[in-house]
Amino acid sequence: MPASVRRAVPADAASLAAVARVTFPLACPPHTTEAAIASFIATVLSEERFADYLVDQHRIVLVAEDDAGATVGYSMLVLGEPTDEDVRAAIRTRPTVELSKCYVLPGHHGAGVASTLMSETLREASLTGAAAVWLGVNQLNARAQRFYGKHGFERVGAKRFLVGDRFEDDWVMERSLSPRRP
């Protein structure tokens, strides 16, 4: 098995933030400024924010670890009805859960870590009672779109995503949690 996946605990906040600092910029389109990326990381992906996420009853954070126990990826589910109007209009199945984040360190791309993490994330999502999972992915991030498509997600709409002071265009993708499995 390329990685083990478990639910994150408060002691994981620092390692999760460290992975986020490396991986978030990789998901941004080329025109995203370093200042915008740094601002987003500071306000959304800091160790303090992860500490908050890890005790939030409406979030499930999973951590992927290599065989030495080092954090090499993570995912985050957000439970509940979407607050974004464009997402609410686009998704077709309810109840739903958002796949807010799914990142793996670049040195582990292509090794099956992301697929293992996705499988466990979808399993956790199904345990919440949700009938589907949705996510937003930048319209220019073809690699991520291919990965999500491989795991059963389909494009169902579009939304905007604020990074720094600029709105980016995202696709909304959705996947049923039953009966299909990755």
C-alpha atoms as a PDB file:
ATOM      1  CA  MET A   1       0.000   0.000   0.000  1.00  0.00           C
ATOM      2  CA  PRO A   2       1.481   3.385  -1.021  1.00  0.00           C
ATOM      3  CA  ALA A   3       0.280   5.229   2.080  1.00  0.00           C
ATOM      4  CA  SER A   4      -1.803   4.756   5.153  1.00  0.00           C
ATOM      5  CA  VAL A   5      -4.741   7.078   5.729  1.00  0.00           C
ATOM      6  CA  ARG A   6      -6.297   7.988   9.046  1.00  0.00           C
ATOM      7  CA  ARG A   7      -8.404  10.710  10.589  1.00  0.00           C
ATOM      8  CA  ALA A   8      -6.269  13.668  11.558  1.00  0.00           C
ATOM      9  CA  VAL A   9      -5.989  14.715  15.199  1.00  0.00           C
ATOM     10  CA  PRO A  10      -5.105  18.113  16.712  1.00  0.00           C
ATOM     11  CA  ALA A  11      -1.416  17.143  16.923  1.00  0.00           C
ATOM     12  CA  ASP A  12      -1.390  16.961  13.083  1.00  0.00           C
ATOM     13  CA  ALA A  13      -2.076  20.692  12.578  1.00  0.00           C
ATOM     14  CA  ALA A  14       1.552  21.661  11.949  1.00  0.00           C
ATOM     15  CA  SER A  15       2.283  18.854   9.480  1.00  0.00           C
ATOM     16  CA  LEU A  16      -0.974  19.515   7.618  1.00  0.00           C
ATOM     17  CA  ALA A  17      -0.121  23.217   7.308  1.00  0.00           C
ATOM     18  CA  ALA A  18       3.358  22.298   6.059  1.00  0.00           C
ATOM     19  CA  VAL A  19       1.898  20.084   3.324  1.00  0.00           C
ATOM     20  CA  ALA A  20      -0.614  22.810   2.431  1.00  0.00           C
ATOM     21  CA  ARG A  21       2.187  25.389   2.021  1.00  0.00           C
ATOM     22  CA  VAL A  22       3.816  23.153  -0.587  1.00  0.00           C
ATOM     23  CA  THR A  23       0.751  21.819  -2.390  1.00  0.00           C
ATOM     24  CA  PHE A  24      -1.696  24.740  -2.599  1.00  0.00           C
ATOM     25  CA  PRO A  25       0.488  26.769  -4.992  1.00  0.00           C
ATOM     26  CA  LEU A  26       0.609  23.779  -7.346  1.00  0.00           C
ATOM     27  CA  ALA A  27      -3.176  23.940  -7.784  1.00  0.00           C
ATOM     28  CA  CYS A  28      -3.188  27.655  -8.645  1.00  0.00           C
ATOM     29  CA  PRO A  29      -3.270  28.925 -12.225  1.00  0.00           C
ATOM     30  CA  PRO A  30      -0.047  30.520 -13.527  1.00  0.00           C
ATOM     31  CA  HIS A  31      -1.405  34.069 -13.218  1.00  0.00           C
ATOM     32  CA  THR A  32      -1.956  33.770  -9.440  1.00  0.00           C
ATOM     33  CA  THR A  33       0.498  36.071  -7.702  1.00  0.00           C
ATOM     34  CA  GLU A  34       2.840  34.959  -4.947  1.00  0.00           C
ATOM     35  CA  ALA A  35       1.221  37.569  -2.692  1.00  0.00           C
ATOM     36  CA  ALA A  36      -2.257  36.134  -3.311  1.00  0.00           C
ATOM     37  CA  ILE A  37      -1.038  32.598  -2.626  1.00  0.00           C
ATOM     38  CA  ALA A  38       0.738  33.696   0.555  1.00  0.00           C
ATOM     39  CA  SER A  39      -2.375  35.551   1.739  1.00  0.00           C
ATOM     40  CA  PHE A  40      -4.581  32.515   1.138  1.00  0.00           C
ATOM     41  CA  ILE A  41      -2.177  30.195   2.927  1.00  0.00           C
ATOM     42  CA  ALA A  42      -1.936  32.586   5.889  1.00  0.00           C
ATOM     43  CA  THR A  43      -5.696  32.970   6.251  1.00  0.00           C
ATOM     44  CA  VAL A  44      -6.991  29.518   5.242  1.00  0.00           C
ATOM     45  CA  LEU A  45      -4.157  27.000   5.474  1.00  0.00           C
ATOM     46  CA  SER A  46      -2.127  28.076   8.502  1.00  0.00           C
ATOM     47  CA  GLU A  47      -1.373  25.832  11.454  1.00  0.00           C
ATOM     48  CA  GLU A  48      -3.909  27.821  13.489  1.00  0.00           C
ATOM     49  CA  ARG A  49      -6.633  27.308  10.877  1.00  0.00           C
ATOM     50  CA  PHE A  50      -5.907  23.574  10.747  1.00  0.00           C
ATOM     51  CA  ALA A  51      -6.150  23.478  14.537  1.00  0.00           C
ATOM     52  CA  ASP A  52      -9.642  24.995  14.155  1.00  0.00           C
ATOM     53  CA  TYR A  53     -10.613  22.568  11.375  1.00  0.00           C
ATOM     54  CA  LEU A  54      -9.552  19.564  13.443  1.00  0.00           C
ATOM     55  CA  VAL A  55     -12.012  20.352  16.237  1.00  0.00           C
ATOM     56  CA  ASP A  56     -14.864  21.491  13.953  1.00  0.00           C
ATOM     57  CA  GLN A  57     -17.688  18.923  14.104  1.00  0.00           C
ATOM     58  CA  HIS A  58     -18.670  19.818  10.532  1.00  0.00           C
ATOM     59  CA  ARG A  59     -15.289  18.839   9.077  1.00  0.00           C
ATOM     60  CA  ILE A  60     -13.457  15.578   8.597  1.00  0.00           C
ATOM     61  CA  VAL A  61      -9.737  15.841   7.897  1.00  0.00           C
ATOM     62  CA  LEU A  62      -7.811  12.791   6.740  1.00  0.00           C
ATOM     63  CA  VAL A  63      -4.037  12.506   6.682  1.00  0.00           C
ATOM     64  CA  ALA A  64      -1.999  10.296   4.359  1.00  0.00           C
ATOM     65  CA  GLU A  65       1.307   9.064   5.766  1.00  0.00           C
ATOM     66  CA  ASP A  66       4.219   7.253   4.221  1.00  0.00           C
ATOM     67  CA  ASP A  67       5.645   4.119   5.811  1.00  0.00           C
ATOM     68  CA  ALA A  68       7.893   6.281   8.038  1.00  0.00           C
ATOM     69  CA  GLY A  69       4.853   8.116   9.421  1.00  0.00           C
ATOM     70  CA  ALA A  70       5.525  11.400   7.597  1.00  0.00           C
ATOM     71  CA  THR A  71       2.511  13.368   6.361  1.00  0.00           C
ATOM     72  CA  VAL A  72       2.460  13.252   2.554  1.00  0.00           C
ATOM     73  CA  GLY A  73      -1.110  14.357   1.843  1.00  0.00           C
ATOM     74  CA  TYR A  74      -4.465  15.258   3.275  1.00  0.00           C
ATOM     75  CA  SER A  75      -8.109  15.749   2.424  1.00  0.00           C
ATOM     76  CA  MET A  76     -10.931  17.666   4.062  1.00  0.00           C
ATOM     77  CA  LEU A  77     -14.663  17.083   3.920  1.00  0.00           C
ATOM     78  CA  VAL A  78     -17.116  19.815   4.917  1.00  0.00           C
ATOM     79  CA  LEU A  79     -20.524  18.554   5.999  1.00  0.00           C
ATOM     80  CA  GLY A  80     -23.781  20.333   5.258  1.00  0.00           C
ATOM     81  CA  GLU A  81     -25.569  22.209   2.537  1.00  0.00           C
ATOM     82  CA  PRO A  82     -23.289  24.421   0.418  1.00  0.00           C
ATOM     83  CA  THR A  83     -23.411  28.136   1.181  1.00  0.00           C
ATOM     84  CA  ASP A  84     -22.395  29.215  -2.347  1.00  0.00           C
ATOM     85  CA  GLU A  85     -25.463  29.937  -4.517  1.00  0.00           C
ATOM     86  CA  ASP A  86     -23.791  28.717  -7.712  1.00  0.00           C
ATOM     87  CA  VAL A  87     -22.891  25.410  -6.064  1.00  0.00           C
ATOM     88  CA  ARG A  88     -26.400  24.975  -4.615  1.00  0.00           C
ATOM     89  CA  ALA A  89     -27.842  25.472  -8.096  1.00  0.00           C
ATOM     90  CA  ALA A  90     -25.342  23.134  -9.781  1.00  0.00           C
ATOM     91  CA  ILE A  91     -25.340  20.049  -7.588  1.00  0.00           C
ATOM     92  CA  ARG A  92     -28.006  17.481  -8.290  1.00  0.00           C
ATOM     93  CA  THR A  93     -27.966  15.139  -5.320  1.00  0.00           C
ATOM     94  CA  ARG A  94     -28.648  15.708  -1.655  1.00  0.00           C
ATOM     95  CA  PRO A  95     -27.714  15.256   1.083  1.00  0.00           C
ATOM     96  CA  THR A  96     -24.223  16.234   0.027  1.00  0.00           C
ATOM     97  CA  VAL A  97     -20.765  16.794   1.459  1.00  0.00           C
ATOM     98  CA  GLU A  98     -17.998  18.990   0.055  1.00  0.00           C
ATOM     99  CA  LEU A  99     -14.553  17.660  -0.726  1.00  0.00           C
ATOM    100  CA  SER A 100     -12.877  20.934   0.186  1.00  0.00           C
ATOM    101  CA  LYS A 101      -9.253  19.861  -0.103  1.00  0.00           C
ATOM    102  CA  CYS A 102      -7.327  16.890  -1.470  1.00  0.00           C
ATOM    103  CA  TYR A 103      -3.579  17.330  -1.823  1.00  0.00           C
ATOM    104  CA  VAL A 104      -0.511  15.095  -2.014  1.00  0.00           C
ATOM    105  CA  LEU A 105       3.120  16.218  -1.953  1.00  0.00           C
ATOM    106  CA  PRO A 106       4.679  16.286  -5.438  1.00  0.00           C
ATOM    107  CA  GLY A 107       7.277  13.624  -4.610  1.00  0.00           C
ATOM    108  CA  HIS A 108       4.407  11.178  -4.088  1.00  0.00           C
ATOM    109  CA  HIS A 109       2.448  11.922  -7.273  1.00  0.00           C
ATOM    110  CA  GLY A 110       1.919   8.848  -9.417  1.00  0.00           C
ATOM    111  CA  ALA A 111       2.616   6.442  -6.545  1.00  0.00           C
ATOM    112  CA  GLY A 112      -1.008   5.685  -5.685  1.00  0.00           C
ATOM    113  CA  VAL A 113      -1.114   7.910  -2.595  1.00  0.00           C
ATOM    114  CA  ALA A 114      -3.755  10.231  -4.047  1.00  0.00           C
ATOM    115  CA  SER A 115      -5.963   7.311  -5.106  1.00  0.00           C
ATOM    116  CA  THR A 116      -5.673   5.719  -1.672  1.00  0.00           C
ATOM    117  CA  LEU A 117      -6.482   9.060  -0.042  1.00  0.00           C
ATOM    118  CA  MET A 118      -9.464   9.580  -2.364  1.00  0.00           C
ATOM    119  CA  SER A 119     -10.836   6.103  -1.683  1.00  0.00           C
ATOM    120  CA  GLU A 120     -10.675   6.655   2.065  1.00  0.00           C
ATOM    121  CA  THR A 121     -12.154  10.138   1.704  1.00  0.00           C
ATOM    122  CA  LEU A 122     -15.112   8.783  -0.266  1.00  0.00           C
ATOM    123  CA  ARG A 123     -15.575   6.029   2.313  1.00  0.00           C
ATOM    124  CA  GLU A 124     -15.638   8.621   5.109  1.00  0.00           C
ATOM    125  CA  ALA A 125     -18.075  10.745   3.093  1.00  0.00           C
ATOM    126  CA  SER A 126     -20.426   7.790   2.707  1.00  0.00           C
ATOM    127  CA  LEU A 127     -20.359   7.233   6.475  1.00  0.00           C
ATOM    128  CA  THR A 128     -21.814  10.732   6.984  1.00  0.00           C
ATOM    129  CA  GLY A 129     -25.068   9.683   5.299  1.00  0.00           C
ATOM    130  CA  ALA A 130     -24.456  11.921   2.285  1.00  0.00           C
ATOM    131  CA  ALA A 131     -25.653  10.662  -1.083  1.00  0.00           C
ATOM    132  CA  ALA A 132     -23.031  12.613  -3.057  1.00  0.00           C
ATOM    133  CA  VAL A 133     -19.798  14.562  -2.825  1.00  0.00           C
ATOM    134  CA  TRP A 134     -19.066  17.822  -4.634  1.00  0.00           C
ATOM    135  CA  LEU A 135     -15.895  19.844  -5.138  1.00  0.00           C
ATOM    136  CA  GLY A 136     -14.588  22.943  -6.856  1.00  0.00           C
ATOM    137  CA  VAL A 137     -11.516  22.734  -9.091  1.00  0.00           C
ATOM    138  CA  ASN A 138      -9.844  25.544 -11.005  1.00  0.00           C
ATOM    139  CA  GLN A 139     -10.878  25.489 -14.651  1.00  0.00           C
ATOM    140  CA  LEU A 140      -7.205  25.613 -15.698  1.00  0.00           C
ATOM    141  CA  ASN A 141      -6.132  22.675 -13.506  1.00  0.00           C
ATOM    142  CA  ALA A 142      -6.447  19.907 -16.089  1.00  0.00           C
ATOM    143  CA  ARG A 143      -4.407  17.407 -14.035  1.00  0.00           C
ATOM    144  CA  ALA A 144      -6.761  17.644 -11.054  1.00  0.00           C
ATOM    145  CA  GLN A 145      -9.809  17.470 -13.319  1.00  0.00           C
ATOM    146  CA  ARG A 146      -8.505  14.235 -14.875  1.00  0.00           C
ATOM    147  CA  PHE A 147      -7.852  12.781 -11.411  1.00  0.00           C
ATOM    148  CA  TYR A 148     -11.348  13.648 -10.184  1.00  0.00           C
ATOM    149  CA  GLY A 149     -12.890  12.315 -13.395  1.00  0.00           C
ATOM    150  CA  LYS A 150     -11.027   9.041 -12.898  1.00  0.00           C
ATOM    151  CA  HIS A 151     -12.706   8.810  -9.488  1.00  0.00           C
ATOM    152  CA  GLY A 152     -16.231   9.288 -10.812  1.00  0.00           C
ATOM    153  CA  PHE A 153     -16.687  13.062 -10.523  1.00  0.00           C
ATOM    154  CA  GLU A 154     -18.559  14.817 -13.318  1.00  0.00           C
ATOM    155  CA  ARG A 155     -18.685  18.518 -14.144  1.00  0.00           C
ATOM    156  CA  VAL A 156     -22.095  19.923 -13.180  1.00  0.00           C
ATOM    157  CA  GLY A 157     -21.553  23.687 -13.063  1.00  0.00           C
ATOM    158  CA  ALA A 158     -19.224  26.581 -12.332  1.00  0.00           C
ATOM    159  CA  LYS A 159     -18.443  28.869  -9.418  1.00  0.00           C
ATOM    160  CA  ARG A 160     -15.972  31.543  -8.384  1.00  0.00           C
ATOM    161  CA  PHE A 161     -13.191  31.110  -5.817  1.00  0.00           C
ATOM    162  CA  LEU A 162     -11.376  33.990  -4.128  1.00  0.00           C
ATOM    163  CA  VAL A 163      -7.580  33.770  -3.884  1.00  0.00           C
ATOM    164  CA  GLY A 164      -6.087  36.960  -2.494  1.00  0.00           C
ATOM    165  CA  ASP A 165      -7.982  39.787  -4.158  1.00  0.00           C
ATOM    166  CA  ARG A 166      -8.840  37.943  -7.401  1.00  0.00           C
ATOM    167  CA  PHE A 167     -11.720  35.647  -8.178  1.00  0.00           C
ATOM    168  CA  GLU A 168     -10.775  32.464 -10.018  1.00  0.00           C
ATOM    169  CA  ASP A 169     -13.133  30.364 -12.121  1.00  0.00           C
ATOM    170  CA  ASP A 170     -13.773  26.849 -10.833  1.00  0.00           C
ATOM    171  CA  TRP A 171     -15.707  23.924 -12.179  1.00  0.00           C
ATOM    172  CA  VAL A 172     -18.155  22.307  -9.782  1.00  0.00           C
ATOM    173  CA  MET A 173     -17.845  18.526  -9.967  1.00  0.00           C
ATOM    174  CA  GLU A 174     -20.097  15.983  -8.282  1.00  0.00           C
ATOM    175  CA  ARG A 175     -20.008  12.266  -7.624  1.00  0.00           C
ATOM    176  CA  SER A 176     -22.665   9.936  -6.292  1.00  0.00           C
ATOM    177  CA  LEU A 177     -21.603   7.897  -3.292  1.00  0.00           C
ATOM    178  CA  SER A 178     -23.679   4.880  -4.180  1.00  0.00           C
ATOM    179  CA  PRO A 179     -23.611   2.421  -5.732  1.00  0.00           C
ATOM    180  CA  ARG A 180     -20.434   3.339  -7.644  1.00  0.00           C
ATOM    181  CA  ARG A 181     -17.051   2.903  -5.939  1.00  0.00           C
ATOM    182  CA  PRO A 182     -13.644   4.119  -7.171  1.00  0.00           C
END
